[in-house]
Full PDB file with SEQRES, HELIX, SHEET, SSBOND, CRYST1, ORIGX, SCALE, CONECT and MASTER records, all heavy atoms in Angstrom:
SEQRES   1 A   36  LYS ILE ASP GLU ALA ILE PRO LEU PHE GLU GLN MET VAL          
SEQRES   2 A   36  ASN PRO PRO ASN PRO TRP SER ASP PHE GLU SER ARG ARG          
SEQRES   3 A   36  TRP VAL TYR GLU GLY ARG ALA GLY LEU ALA                      
HELIX    1 AA1 ILE A    2  VAL A   13  1                                  12    
HELIX    2 AA2 PHE A   22  LEU A   35  1                                  14    
CRYST1    1.000    1.000    1.000  90.00  90.00  90.00 P 1           1          
ORIGX1      1.000000  0.000000  0.000000        0.00000                         
ORIGX2      0.000000  1.000000  0.000000        0.00000                         
ORIGX3      0.000000  0.000000  1.000000        0.00000                         
SCALE1      1.000000  0.000000  0.000000        0.00000                         
SCALE2      0.000000  1.000000  0.000000        0.00000                         
SCALE3      0.000000  0.000000  1.000000        0.00000                         
ATOM      1  N   LYS A   1     -13.196  -0.835 -11.701  1.00  0.00           N  
ATOM      2  CA  LYS A   1     -12.072  -0.136 -12.352  1.00  0.00           C  
ATOM      3  C   LYS A   1     -10.747  -0.679 -11.813  1.00  0.00           C  
ATOM      4  O   LYS A   1      -9.975   0.012 -11.141  1.00  0.00           O  
ATOM      5  CB  LYS A   1     -12.186   1.366 -12.116  1.00  0.00           C  
ATOM      6  CG  LYS A   1     -13.462   1.979 -12.683  1.00  0.00           C  
ATOM      7  CD  LYS A   1     -13.547   3.465 -12.361  1.00  0.00           C  
ATOM      8  CE  LYS A   1     -14.817   4.096 -12.935  1.00  0.00           C  
ATOM      9  NZ  LYS A   1     -14.914   5.543 -12.597  1.00  0.00           N  
ATOM     10  N   ILE A   2     -10.482  -1.940 -12.141  1.00  0.00           N  
ATOM     11  CA  ILE A   2      -9.334  -2.648 -11.575  1.00  0.00           C  
ATOM     12  C   ILE A   2      -8.019  -1.982 -11.974  1.00  0.00           C  
ATOM     13  O   ILE A   2      -7.112  -1.816 -11.140  1.00  0.00           O  
ATOM     14  CB  ILE A   2      -9.337  -4.122 -12.028  1.00  0.00           C  
ATOM     15  CG1 ILE A   2     -10.667  -4.790 -11.651  1.00  0.00           C  
ATOM     16  CG2 ILE A   2      -8.158  -4.860 -11.434  1.00  0.00           C  
ATOM     17  CD1 ILE A   2     -10.994  -4.748 -10.184  1.00  0.00           C  
ATOM     18  N   ASP A   3      -7.899  -1.604 -13.245  1.00  0.00           N  
ATOM     19  CA  ASP A   3      -6.639  -1.023 -13.707  1.00  0.00           C  
ATOM     20  C   ASP A   3      -6.357   0.334 -13.065  1.00  0.00           C  
ATOM     21  O   ASP A   3      -5.190   0.758 -12.991  1.00  0.00           O  
ATOM     22  CB  ASP A   3      -6.649  -0.885 -15.233  1.00  0.00           C  
ATOM     23  CG  ASP A   3      -6.581  -2.233 -15.937  1.00  0.00           C  
ATOM     24  OD1 ASP A   3      -6.100  -3.195 -15.293  1.00  0.00           O  
ATOM     25  OD2 ASP A   3      -7.011  -2.329 -17.096  1.00  0.00           O  
ATOM     26  N   GLU A   4      -7.393   1.021 -12.599  1.00  0.00           N  
ATOM     27  CA  GLU A   4      -7.185   2.286 -11.888  1.00  0.00           C  
ATOM     28  C   GLU A   4      -6.874   2.042 -10.407  1.00  0.00           C  
ATOM     29  O   GLU A   4      -6.200   2.856  -9.765  1.00  0.00           O  
ATOM     30  CB  GLU A   4      -8.416   3.179 -12.016  1.00  0.00           C  
ATOM     31  CG  GLU A   4      -8.671   3.671 -13.438  1.00  0.00           C  
ATOM     32  CD  GLU A   4      -9.895   4.569 -13.527  1.00  0.00           C  
ATOM     33  OE1 GLU A   4     -10.139   5.329 -12.566  1.00  0.00           O  
ATOM     34  OE2 GLU A   4     -10.611   4.494 -14.542  1.00  0.00           O  
ATOM     35  N   ALA A   5      -7.352   0.943  -9.879  1.00  0.00           N  
ATOM     36  CA  ALA A   5      -7.115   0.635  -8.468  1.00  0.00           C  
ATOM     37  C   ALA A   5      -5.704   0.100  -8.239  1.00  0.00           C  
ATOM     38  O   ALA A   5      -5.093   0.382  -7.197  1.00  0.00           O  
ATOM     39  CB  ALA A   5      -8.137  -0.384  -7.978  1.00  0.00           C  
ATOM     40  N   ILE A   6      -5.171  -0.659  -9.184  1.00  0.00           N  
ATOM     41  CA  ILE A   6      -3.866  -1.297  -8.984  1.00  0.00           C  
ATOM     42  C   ILE A   6      -2.757  -0.291  -8.662  1.00  0.00           C  
ATOM     43  O   ILE A   6      -1.987  -0.499  -7.709  1.00  0.00           O  
ATOM     44  CB  ILE A   6      -3.507  -2.182 -10.200  1.00  0.00           C  
ATOM     45  CG1 ILE A   6      -4.339  -3.471 -10.150  1.00  0.00           C  
ATOM     46  CG2 ILE A   6      -2.012  -2.507 -10.235  1.00  0.00           C  
ATOM     47  CD1 ILE A   6      -4.161  -4.386 -11.333  1.00  0.00           C  
ATOM     48  N   PRO A   7      -2.632   0.845  -9.395  1.00  0.00           N  
ATOM     49  CA  PRO A   7      -1.562   1.796  -9.034  1.00  0.00           C  
ATOM     50  C   PRO A   7      -1.711   2.371  -7.627  1.00  0.00           C  
ATOM     51  O   PRO A   7      -0.702   2.681  -6.977  1.00  0.00           O  
ATOM     52  CB  PRO A   7      -1.705   2.898 -10.092  1.00  0.00           C  
ATOM     53  CG  PRO A   7      -2.432   2.269 -11.226  1.00  0.00           C  
ATOM     54  CD  PRO A   7      -3.336   1.265 -10.612  1.00  0.00           C  
ATOM     55  N   LEU A   8      -2.943   2.498  -7.154  1.00  0.00           N  
ATOM     56  CA  LEU A   8      -3.149   3.000  -5.796  1.00  0.00           C  
ATOM     57  C   LEU A   8      -2.659   1.987  -4.764  1.00  0.00           C  
ATOM     58  O   LEU A   8      -1.964   2.344  -3.801  1.00  0.00           O  
ATOM     59  CB  LEU A   8      -4.628   3.318  -5.578  1.00  0.00           C  
ATOM     60  CG  LEU A   8      -5.170   4.498  -6.390  1.00  0.00           C  
ATOM     61  CD1 LEU A   8      -6.694   4.546  -6.315  1.00  0.00           C  
ATOM     62  CD2 LEU A   8      -4.570   5.821  -5.907  1.00  0.00           C  
ATOM     63  N   PHE A   9      -2.998   0.717  -4.973  1.00  0.00           N  
ATOM     64  CA  PHE A   9      -2.489  -0.311  -4.067  1.00  0.00           C  
ATOM     65  C   PHE A   9      -0.968  -0.439  -4.179  1.00  0.00           C  
ATOM     66  O   PHE A   9      -0.280  -0.699  -3.187  1.00  0.00           O  
ATOM     67  CB  PHE A   9      -3.154  -1.661  -4.349  1.00  0.00           C  
ATOM     68  CG  PHE A   9      -4.542  -1.787  -3.784  1.00  0.00           C  
ATOM     69  CD1 PHE A   9      -5.605  -2.158  -4.586  1.00  0.00           C  
ATOM     70  CD2 PHE A   9      -4.792  -1.535  -2.440  1.00  0.00           C  
ATOM     71  CE1 PHE A   9      -6.890  -2.275  -4.074  1.00  0.00           C  
ATOM     72  CE2 PHE A   9      -6.077  -1.651  -1.912  1.00  0.00           C  
ATOM     73  CZ  PHE A   9      -7.124  -2.021  -2.733  1.00  0.00           C  
ATOM     74  N   GLU A  10      -0.425  -0.272  -5.386  1.00  0.00           N  
ATOM     75  CA  GLU A  10       1.033  -0.316  -5.559  1.00  0.00           C  
ATOM     76  C   GLU A  10       1.695   0.772  -4.717  1.00  0.00           C  
ATOM     77  O   GLU A  10       2.764   0.563  -4.129  1.00  0.00           O  
ATOM     78  CB  GLU A  10       1.406  -0.125  -7.035  1.00  0.00           C  
ATOM     79  CG  GLU A  10       1.085  -1.285  -7.943  1.00  0.00           C  
ATOM     80  CD  GLU A  10       2.137  -2.392  -7.906  1.00  0.00           C  
ATOM     81  OE1 GLU A  10       2.995  -2.380  -6.991  1.00  0.00           O  
ATOM     82  OE2 GLU A  10       2.087  -3.279  -8.783  1.00  0.00           O  
ATOM     83  N   GLN A  11       1.073   1.956  -4.674  1.00  0.00           N  
ATOM     84  CA  GLN A  11       1.625   3.038  -3.872  1.00  0.00           C  
ATOM     85  C   GLN A  11       1.638   2.670  -2.387  1.00  0.00           C  
ATOM     86  O   GLN A  11       2.564   3.009  -1.654  1.00  0.00           O  
ATOM     87  CB  GLN A  11       0.817   4.320  -4.081  1.00  0.00           C  
ATOM     88  CG  GLN A  11       1.428   5.536  -3.387  1.00  0.00           C  
ATOM     89  CD  GLN A  11       0.615   6.791  -3.597  1.00  0.00           C  
ATOM     90  OE1 GLN A  11      -0.588   6.731  -3.855  1.00  0.00           O  
ATOM     91  NE2 GLN A  11       1.260   7.938  -3.509  1.00  0.00           N  
ATOM     92  N   MET A  12       0.614   1.952  -1.945  1.00  0.00           N  
ATOM     93  CA  MET A  12       0.575   1.529  -0.548  1.00  0.00           C  
ATOM     94  C   MET A  12       1.646   0.497  -0.247  1.00  0.00           C  
ATOM     95  O   MET A  12       2.242   0.494   0.839  1.00  0.00           O  
ATOM     96  CB  MET A  12      -0.801   0.953  -0.221  1.00  0.00           C  
ATOM     97  CG  MET A  12      -1.923   1.972  -0.284  1.00  0.00           C  
ATOM     98  SD  MET A  12      -3.526   1.235   0.097  1.00  0.00           S  
ATOM     99  CE  MET A  12      -3.322   0.900   1.853  1.00  0.00           C  
ATOM    100  N   VAL A  13       1.924  -0.368  -1.215  1.00  0.00           N  
ATOM    101  CA  VAL A  13       2.951  -1.395  -1.024  1.00  0.00           C  
ATOM    102  C   VAL A  13       4.343  -0.768  -1.008  1.00  0.00           C  
ATOM    103  O   VAL A  13       5.242  -1.235  -0.290  1.00  0.00           O  
ATOM    104  CB  VAL A  13       2.849  -2.459  -2.143  1.00  0.00           C  
ATOM    105  CG1 VAL A  13       4.026  -3.425  -2.099  1.00  0.00           C  
ATOM    106  CG2 VAL A  13       1.533  -3.221  -2.005  1.00  0.00           C  
ATOM    107  N   ASN A  14       4.510   0.306  -1.765  1.00  0.00           N  
ATOM    108  CA  ASN A  14       5.812   0.982  -1.857  1.00  0.00           C  
ATOM    109  C   ASN A  14       5.644   2.447  -1.467  1.00  0.00           C  
ATOM    110  O   ASN A  14       5.717   3.344  -2.318  1.00  0.00           O  
ATOM    111  CB  ASN A  14       6.359   0.867  -3.286  1.00  0.00           C  
ATOM    112  CG  ASN A  14       6.533  -0.565  -3.722  1.00  0.00           C  
ATOM    113  OD1 ASN A  14       7.385  -1.269  -3.215  1.00  0.00           O  
ATOM    114  ND2 ASN A  14       5.689  -1.019  -4.645  1.00  0.00           N  
ATOM    115  N   PRO A  15       5.399   2.728  -0.174  1.00  0.00           N  
ATOM    116  CA  PRO A  15       5.131   4.101   0.257  1.00  0.00           C  
ATOM    117  C   PRO A  15       6.350   4.997   0.042  1.00  0.00           C  
ATOM    118  O   PRO A  15       7.485   4.515   0.008  1.00  0.00           O  
ATOM    119  CB  PRO A  15       4.803   3.953   1.742  1.00  0.00           C  
ATOM    120  CG  PRO A  15       5.451   2.679   2.159  1.00  0.00           C  
ATOM    121  CD  PRO A  15       5.411   1.782   0.962  1.00  0.00           C  
ATOM    122  N   PRO A  16       6.129   6.312  -0.101  1.00  0.00           N  
ATOM    123  CA  PRO A  16       7.229   7.220  -0.427  1.00  0.00           C  
ATOM    124  C   PRO A  16       8.160   7.516   0.739  1.00  0.00           C  
ATOM    125  O   PRO A  16       9.243   8.056   0.531  1.00  0.00           O  
ATOM    126  CB  PRO A  16       6.499   8.499  -0.863  1.00  0.00           C  
ATOM    127  CG  PRO A  16       5.181   8.440  -0.165  1.00  0.00           C  
ATOM    128  CD  PRO A  16       4.830   6.997  -0.101  1.00  0.00           C  
ATOM    129  N   ASN A  17       7.759   7.185   1.963  1.00  0.00           N  
ATOM    130  CA  ASN A  17       8.578   7.482   3.142  1.00  0.00           C  
ATOM    131  C   ASN A  17       9.001   6.197   3.840  1.00  0.00           C  
ATOM    132  O   ASN A  17       8.281   5.200   3.804  1.00  0.00           O  
ATOM    133  CB  ASN A  17       7.788   8.344   4.130  1.00  0.00           C  
ATOM    134  CG  ASN A  17       7.304   9.638   3.508  1.00  0.00           C  
ATOM    135  OD1 ASN A  17       8.086  10.391   2.949  1.00  0.00           O  
ATOM    136  ND2 ASN A  17       5.995   9.889   3.593  1.00  0.00           N  
ATOM    137  N   PRO A  18      10.159   6.211   4.514  1.00  0.00           N  
ATOM    138  CA  PRO A  18      10.525   5.040   5.327  1.00  0.00           C  
ATOM    139  C   PRO A  18       9.491   4.828   6.425  1.00  0.00           C  
ATOM    140  O   PRO A  18       8.885   5.773   6.919  1.00  0.00           O  
ATOM    141  CB  PRO A  18      11.883   5.446   5.938  1.00  0.00           C  
ATOM    142  CG  PRO A  18      12.374   6.581   5.114  1.00  0.00           C  
ATOM    143  CD  PRO A  18      11.165   7.283   4.583  1.00  0.00           C  
ATOM    144  N   TRP A  19       9.287   3.577   6.808  1.00  0.00           N  
ATOM    145  CA  TRP A  19       8.389   3.296   7.921  1.00  0.00           C  
ATOM    146  C   TRP A  19       8.953   3.925   9.183  1.00  0.00           C  
ATOM    147  O   TRP A  19      10.106   3.712   9.538  1.00  0.00           O  
ATOM    148  CB  TRP A  19       8.264   1.794   8.145  1.00  0.00           C  
ATOM    149  CG  TRP A  19       7.431   1.095   7.135  1.00  0.00           C  
ATOM    150  CD1 TRP A  19       6.346   1.585   6.486  1.00  0.00           C  
ATOM    151  CD2 TRP A  19       7.616  -0.237   6.645  1.00  0.00           C  
ATOM    152  NE1 TRP A  19       5.836   0.645   5.630  1.00  0.00           N  
ATOM    153  CE2 TRP A  19       6.599  -0.479   5.706  1.00  0.00           C  
ATOM    154  CE3 TRP A  19       8.531  -1.241   6.917  1.00  0.00           C  
ATOM    155  CZ2 TRP A  19       6.475  -1.701   5.039  1.00  0.00           C  
ATOM    156  CZ3 TRP A  19       8.412  -2.442   6.253  1.00  0.00           C  
ATOM    157  CH2 TRP A  19       7.399  -2.665   5.334  1.00  0.00           C  
ATOM    158  N   SER A  20       8.135   4.687   9.891  1.00  0.00           N  
ATOM    159  CA  SER A  20       8.597   5.266  11.149  1.00  0.00           C  
ATOM    160  C   SER A  20       7.550   5.118  12.235  1.00  0.00           C  
ATOM    161  O   SER A  20       7.656   5.723  13.288  1.00  0.00           O  
ATOM    162  CB  SER A  20       8.953   6.744  10.965  1.00  0.00           C  
ATOM    163  OG  SER A  20       7.819   7.473  10.565  1.00  0.00           O  
ATOM    164  N   ASP A  21       6.545   4.302  11.982  1.00  0.00           N  
ATOM    165  CA  ASP A  21       5.567   3.962  13.009  1.00  0.00           C  
ATOM    166  C   ASP A  21       4.819   2.727  12.535  1.00  0.00           C  
ATOM    167  O   ASP A  21       4.864   2.354  11.370  1.00  0.00           O  
ATOM    168  CB  ASP A  21       4.608   5.123  13.297  1.00  0.00           C  
ATOM    169  CG  ASP A  21       3.847   5.568  12.059  1.00  0.00           C  
ATOM    170  OD1 ASP A  21       3.005   4.783  11.574  1.00  0.00           O  
ATOM    171  OD2 ASP A  21       4.087   6.688  11.584  1.00  0.00           O  
ATOM    172  N   PHE A  22       4.142   2.077  13.458  1.00  0.00           N  
ATOM    173  CA  PHE A  22       3.461   0.834  13.109  1.00  0.00           C  
ATOM    174  C   PHE A  22       2.202   1.067  12.301  1.00  0.00           C  
ATOM    175  O   PHE A  22       1.767   0.196  11.552  1.00  0.00           O  
ATOM    176  CB  PHE A  22       3.156   0.035  14.379  1.00  0.00           C  
ATOM    177  CG  PHE A  22       4.397  -0.496  15.022  1.00  0.00           C  
ATOM    178  CD1 PHE A  22       4.792  -0.045  16.258  1.00  0.00           C  
ATOM    179  CD2 PHE A  22       5.191  -1.418  14.369  1.00  0.00           C  
ATOM    180  CE1 PHE A  22       5.951  -0.517  16.846  1.00  0.00           C  
ATOM    181  CE2 PHE A  22       6.345  -1.898  14.938  1.00  0.00           C  
ATOM    182  CZ  PHE A  22       6.729  -1.446  16.186  1.00  0.00           C  
ATOM    183  N   GLU A  23       1.600   2.244  12.457  1.00  0.00           N  
ATOM    184  CA  GLU A  23       0.411   2.541  11.662  1.00  0.00           C  
ATOM    185  C   GLU A  23       0.766   2.575  10.180  1.00  0.00           C  
ATOM    186  O   GLU A  23      -0.005   2.129   9.328  1.00  0.00           O  
ATOM    187  CB  GLU A  23      -0.199   3.871  12.104  1.00  0.00           C  
ATOM    188  CG  GLU A  23      -1.586   4.128  11.570  1.00  0.00           C  
ATOM    189  CD  GLU A  23      -2.638   3.155  12.081  1.00  0.00           C  
ATOM    190  OE1 GLU A  23      -2.398   2.463  13.092  1.00  0.00           O  
ATOM    191  OE2 GLU A  23      -3.703   3.077  11.463  1.00  0.00           O  
ATOM    192  N   SER A  24       1.972   3.074   9.850  1.00  0.00           N  
ATOM    193  CA  SER A  24       2.417   3.046   8.453  1.00  0.00           C  
ATOM    194  C   SER A  24       2.522   1.611   7.945  1.00  0.00           C  
ATOM    195  O   SER A  24       2.133   1.302   6.819  1.00  0.00           O  
ATOM    196  CB  SER A  24       3.790   3.730   8.328  1.00  0.00           C  
ATOM    197  OG  SER A  24       3.733   5.076   8.705  1.00  0.00           O  
ATOM    198  N   ARG A  25       3.038   0.734   8.796  1.00  0.00           N  
ATOM    199  CA  ARG A  25       3.193  -0.664   8.390  1.00  0.00           C  
ATOM    200  C   ARG A  25       1.834  -1.323   8.156  1.00  0.00           C  
ATOM    201  O   ARG A  25       1.676  -2.112   7.231  1.00  0.00           O  
ATOM    202  CB  ARG A  25       3.992  -1.432   9.446  1.00  0.00           C  
ATOM    203  CG  ARG A  25       4.361  -2.844   8.997  1.00  0.00           C  
ATOM    204  CD  ARG A  25       5.105  -3.599  10.063  1.00  0.00           C  
ATOM    205  NE  ARG A  25       6.442  -3.103  10.306  1.00  0.00           N  
ATOM    206  CZ  ARG A  25       7.485  -3.365   9.548  1.00  0.00           C  
ATOM    207  NH1 ARG A  25       7.340  -4.089   8.465  1.00  0.00           N  
ATOM    208  NH2 ARG A  25       8.671  -2.906   9.865  1.00  0.00           N  
ATOM    209  N   ARG A  26       0.837  -0.998   8.994  1.00  0.00           N  
ATOM    210  CA  ARG A  26      -0.464  -1.661   8.821  1.00  0.00           C  
ATOM    211  C   ARG A  26      -1.066  -1.306   7.472  1.00  0.00           C  
ATOM    212  O   ARG A  26      -1.742  -2.125   6.848  1.00  0.00           O  
ATOM    213  CB  ARG A  26      -1.430  -1.319   9.949  1.00  0.00           C  
ATOM    214  CG  ARG A  26      -1.910   0.102   9.975  1.00  0.00           C  
ATOM    215  CD  ARG A  26      -3.352   0.243  10.439  1.00  0.00           C  
ATOM    216  NE  ARG A  26      -4.253  -0.220   9.428  1.00  0.00           N  
ATOM    217  CZ  ARG A  26      -5.332  -0.964   9.660  1.00  0.00           C  
ATOM    218  NH1 ARG A  26      -5.637  -1.300  10.879  1.00  0.00           N  
ATOM    219  NH2 ARG A  26      -6.118  -1.352   8.671  1.00  0.00           N  
ATOM    220  N   TRP A  27      -0.813  -0.086   6.971  1.00  0.00           N  
ATOM    221  CA  TRP A  27      -1.355   0.262   5.661  1.00  0.00           C  
ATOM    222  C   TRP A  27      -0.613  -0.460   4.547  1.00  0.00           C  
ATOM    223  O   TRP A  27      -1.186  -0.725   3.484  1.00  0.00           O  
ATOM    224  CB  TRP A  27      -1.335   1.776   5.463  1.00  0.00           C  
ATOM    225  CG  TRP A  27      -2.379   2.437   6.305  1.00  0.00           C  
ATOM    226  CD1 TRP A  27      -2.194   3.261   7.355  1.00  0.00           C  
ATOM    227  CD2 TRP A  27      -3.802   2.255   6.181  1.00  0.00           C  
ATOM    228  NE1 TRP A  27      -3.398   3.625   7.906  1.00  0.00           N  
ATOM    229  CE2 TRP A  27      -4.404   3.026   7.205  1.00  0.00           C  
ATOM    230  CE3 TRP A  27      -4.614   1.532   5.321  1.00  0.00           C  
ATOM    231  CZ2 TRP A  27      -5.784   3.082   7.378  1.00  0.00           C  
ATOM    232  CZ3 TRP A  27      -5.985   1.598   5.501  1.00  0.00           C  
ATOM    233  CH2 TRP A  27      -6.557   2.364   6.515  1.00  0.00           C  
ATOM    234  N   VAL A  28       0.636  -0.817   4.778  1.00  0.00           N  
ATOM    235  CA  VAL A  28       1.337  -1.653   3.804  1.00  0.00           C  
ATOM    236  C   VAL A  28       0.709  -3.042   3.767  1.00  0.00           C  
ATOM    237  O   VAL A  28       0.541  -3.636   2.699  1.00  0.00           O  
ATOM    238  CB  VAL A  28       2.843  -1.714   4.116  1.00  0.00           C  
ATOM    239  CG1 VAL A  28       3.564  -2.660   3.157  1.00  0.00           C  
ATOM    240  CG2 VAL A  28       3.468  -0.319   4.023  1.00  0.00           C  
ATOM    241  N   TYR A  29       0.354  -3.587   4.953  1.00  0.00           N  
ATOM    242  CA  TYR A  29      -0.381  -4.864   4.982  1.00  0.00           C  
ATOM    243  C   TYR A  29      -1.631  -4.773   4.104  1.00  0.00           C  
ATOM    244  O   TYR A  29      -1.918  -5.665   3.288  1.00  0.00           O  
ATOM    245  CB  TYR A  29      -0.868  -5.213   6.398  1.00  0.00           C  
ATOM    246  CG  TYR A  29       0.140  -5.398   7.485  1.00  0.00           C  
ATOM    247  CD1 TYR A  29      -0.216  -5.179   8.813  1.00  0.00           C  
ATOM    248  CD2 TYR A  29       1.434  -5.822   7.228  1.00  0.00           C  
ATOM    249  CE1 TYR A  29       0.673  -5.362   9.848  1.00  0.00           C  
ATOM    250  CE2 TYR A  29       2.344  -5.999   8.257  1.00  0.00           C  
ATOM    251  CZ  TYR A  29       1.958  -5.764   9.566  1.00  0.00           C  
ATOM    252  OH  TYR A  29       2.832  -5.939  10.589  1.00  0.00           O  
ATOM    253  N   GLU A  30      -2.411  -3.703   4.316  1.00  0.00           N  
ATOM    254  CA  GLU A  30      -3.664  -3.541   3.579  1.00  0.00           C  
ATOM    255  C   GLU A  30      -3.395  -3.420   2.082  1.00  0.00           C  
ATOM    256  O   GLU A  30      -4.134  -3.975   1.257  1.00  0.00           O  
ATOM    257  CB  GLU A  30      -4.411  -2.292   4.072  1.00  0.00           C  
ATOM    258  CG  GLU A  30      -4.803  -2.311   5.531  1.00  0.00           C  
ATOM    259  CD  GLU A  30      -6.019  -3.173   5.810  1.00  0.00           C  
ATOM    260  OE1 GLU A  30      -6.447  -3.933   4.917  1.00  0.00           O  
ATOM    261  OE2 GLU A  30      -6.541  -3.081   6.932  1.00  0.00           O  
ATOM    262  N   GLY A  31      -2.347  -2.671   1.730  1.00  0.00           N  
ATOM    263  CA  GLY A  31      -2.014  -2.510   0.317  1.00  0.00           C  
ATOM    264  C   GLY A  31      -1.629  -3.824  -0.335  1.00  0.00           C  
ATOM    265  O   GLY A  31      -2.058  -4.132  -1.460  1.00  0.00           O  
ATOM    266  N   ARG A  32      -0.810  -4.615   0.363  1.00  0.00           N  
ATOM    267  CA  ARG A  32      -0.406  -5.920  -0.187  1.00  0.00           C  
ATOM    268  C   ARG A  32      -1.619  -6.817  -0.395  1.00  0.00           C  
ATOM    269  O   ARG A  32      -1.735  -7.496  -1.415  1.00  0.00           O  
ATOM    270  CB  ARG A  32       0.581  -6.603   0.762  1.00  0.00           C  
ATOM    271  CG  ARG A  32       1.978  -6.005   0.778  1.00  0.00           C  
ATOM    272  CD  ARG A  32       2.931  -6.997   1.430  1.00  0.00           C  
ATOM    273  NE  ARG A  32       4.199  -6.379   1.763  1.00  0.00           N  
ATOM    274  CZ  ARG A  32       4.623  -6.136   2.998  1.00  0.00           C  
ATOM    275  NH1 ARG A  32       3.850  -6.452   4.027  1.00  0.00           N  
ATOM    276  NH2 ARG A  32       5.788  -5.593   3.213  1.00  0.00           N  
ATOM    277  N   ALA A  33      -2.512  -6.848   0.606  1.00  0.00           N  
ATOM    278  CA  ALA A  33      -3.693  -7.713   0.502  1.00  0.00           C  
ATOM    279  C   ALA A  33      -4.569  -7.284  -0.671  1.00  0.00           C  
ATOM    280  O   ALA A  33      -5.007  -8.121  -1.477  1.00  0.00           O  
ATOM    281  CB  ALA A  33      -4.475  -7.677   1.805  1.00  0.00           C  
ATOM    282  N   GLY A  34      -4.833  -5.978  -0.787  1.00  0.00           N  
ATOM    283  CA  GLY A  34      -5.668  -5.499  -1.885  1.00  0.00           C  
ATOM    284  C   GLY A  34      -5.045  -5.740  -3.235  1.00  0.00           C  
ATOM    285  O   GLY A  34      -5.721  -6.170  -4.192  1.00  0.00           O  
ATOM    286  N   LEU A  35      -3.752  -5.489  -3.344  1.00  0.00           N  
ATOM    287  CA  LEU A  35      -3.055  -5.696  -4.616  1.00  0.00           C  
ATOM    288  C   LEU A  35      -3.008  -7.175  -4.979  1.00  0.00           C  
ATOM    289  O   LEU A  35      -3.190  -7.544  -6.150  1.00  0.00           O  
ATOM    290  CB  LEU A  35      -1.638  -5.121  -4.520  1.00  0.00           C  
ATOM    291  CG  LEU A  35      -0.788  -5.199  -5.783  1.00  0.00           C  
ATOM    292  CD1 LEU A  35      -1.451  -4.471  -6.948  1.00  0.00           C  
ATOM    293  CD2 LEU A  35       0.607  -4.606  -5.524  1.00  0.00           C  
ATOM    294  N   ALA A  36      -2.778  -8.030  -3.979  1.00  0.00           N  
ATOM    295  CA  ALA A  36      -2.719  -9.470  -4.242  1.00  0.00           C  
ATOM    296  C   ALA A  36      -4.012  -9.976  -4.870  1.00  0.00           C  
ATOM    297  O   ALA A  36      -4.007 -10.734  -5.846  1.00  0.00           O  
ATOM    298  CB  ALA A  36      -2.424 -10.227  -2.944  1.00  0.00           C  
TER     299      ALA A  36                                                      
MASTER        0    0    0    2    0    0    0    6  298    1    0    3          
END                                                                             
C-alpha cells in the first residue's frame, strides 16, 4: 500500500514540532530514507 505509506513518511520528514532532541532528528532520518 505505497500510496498510503507515503503520507506517513511525509509526516516524519516534516514533523509538526520543532526539533528539540536528537531522538526527534533520528526519526526524520528514518522518514527521509523510507520516503526516498
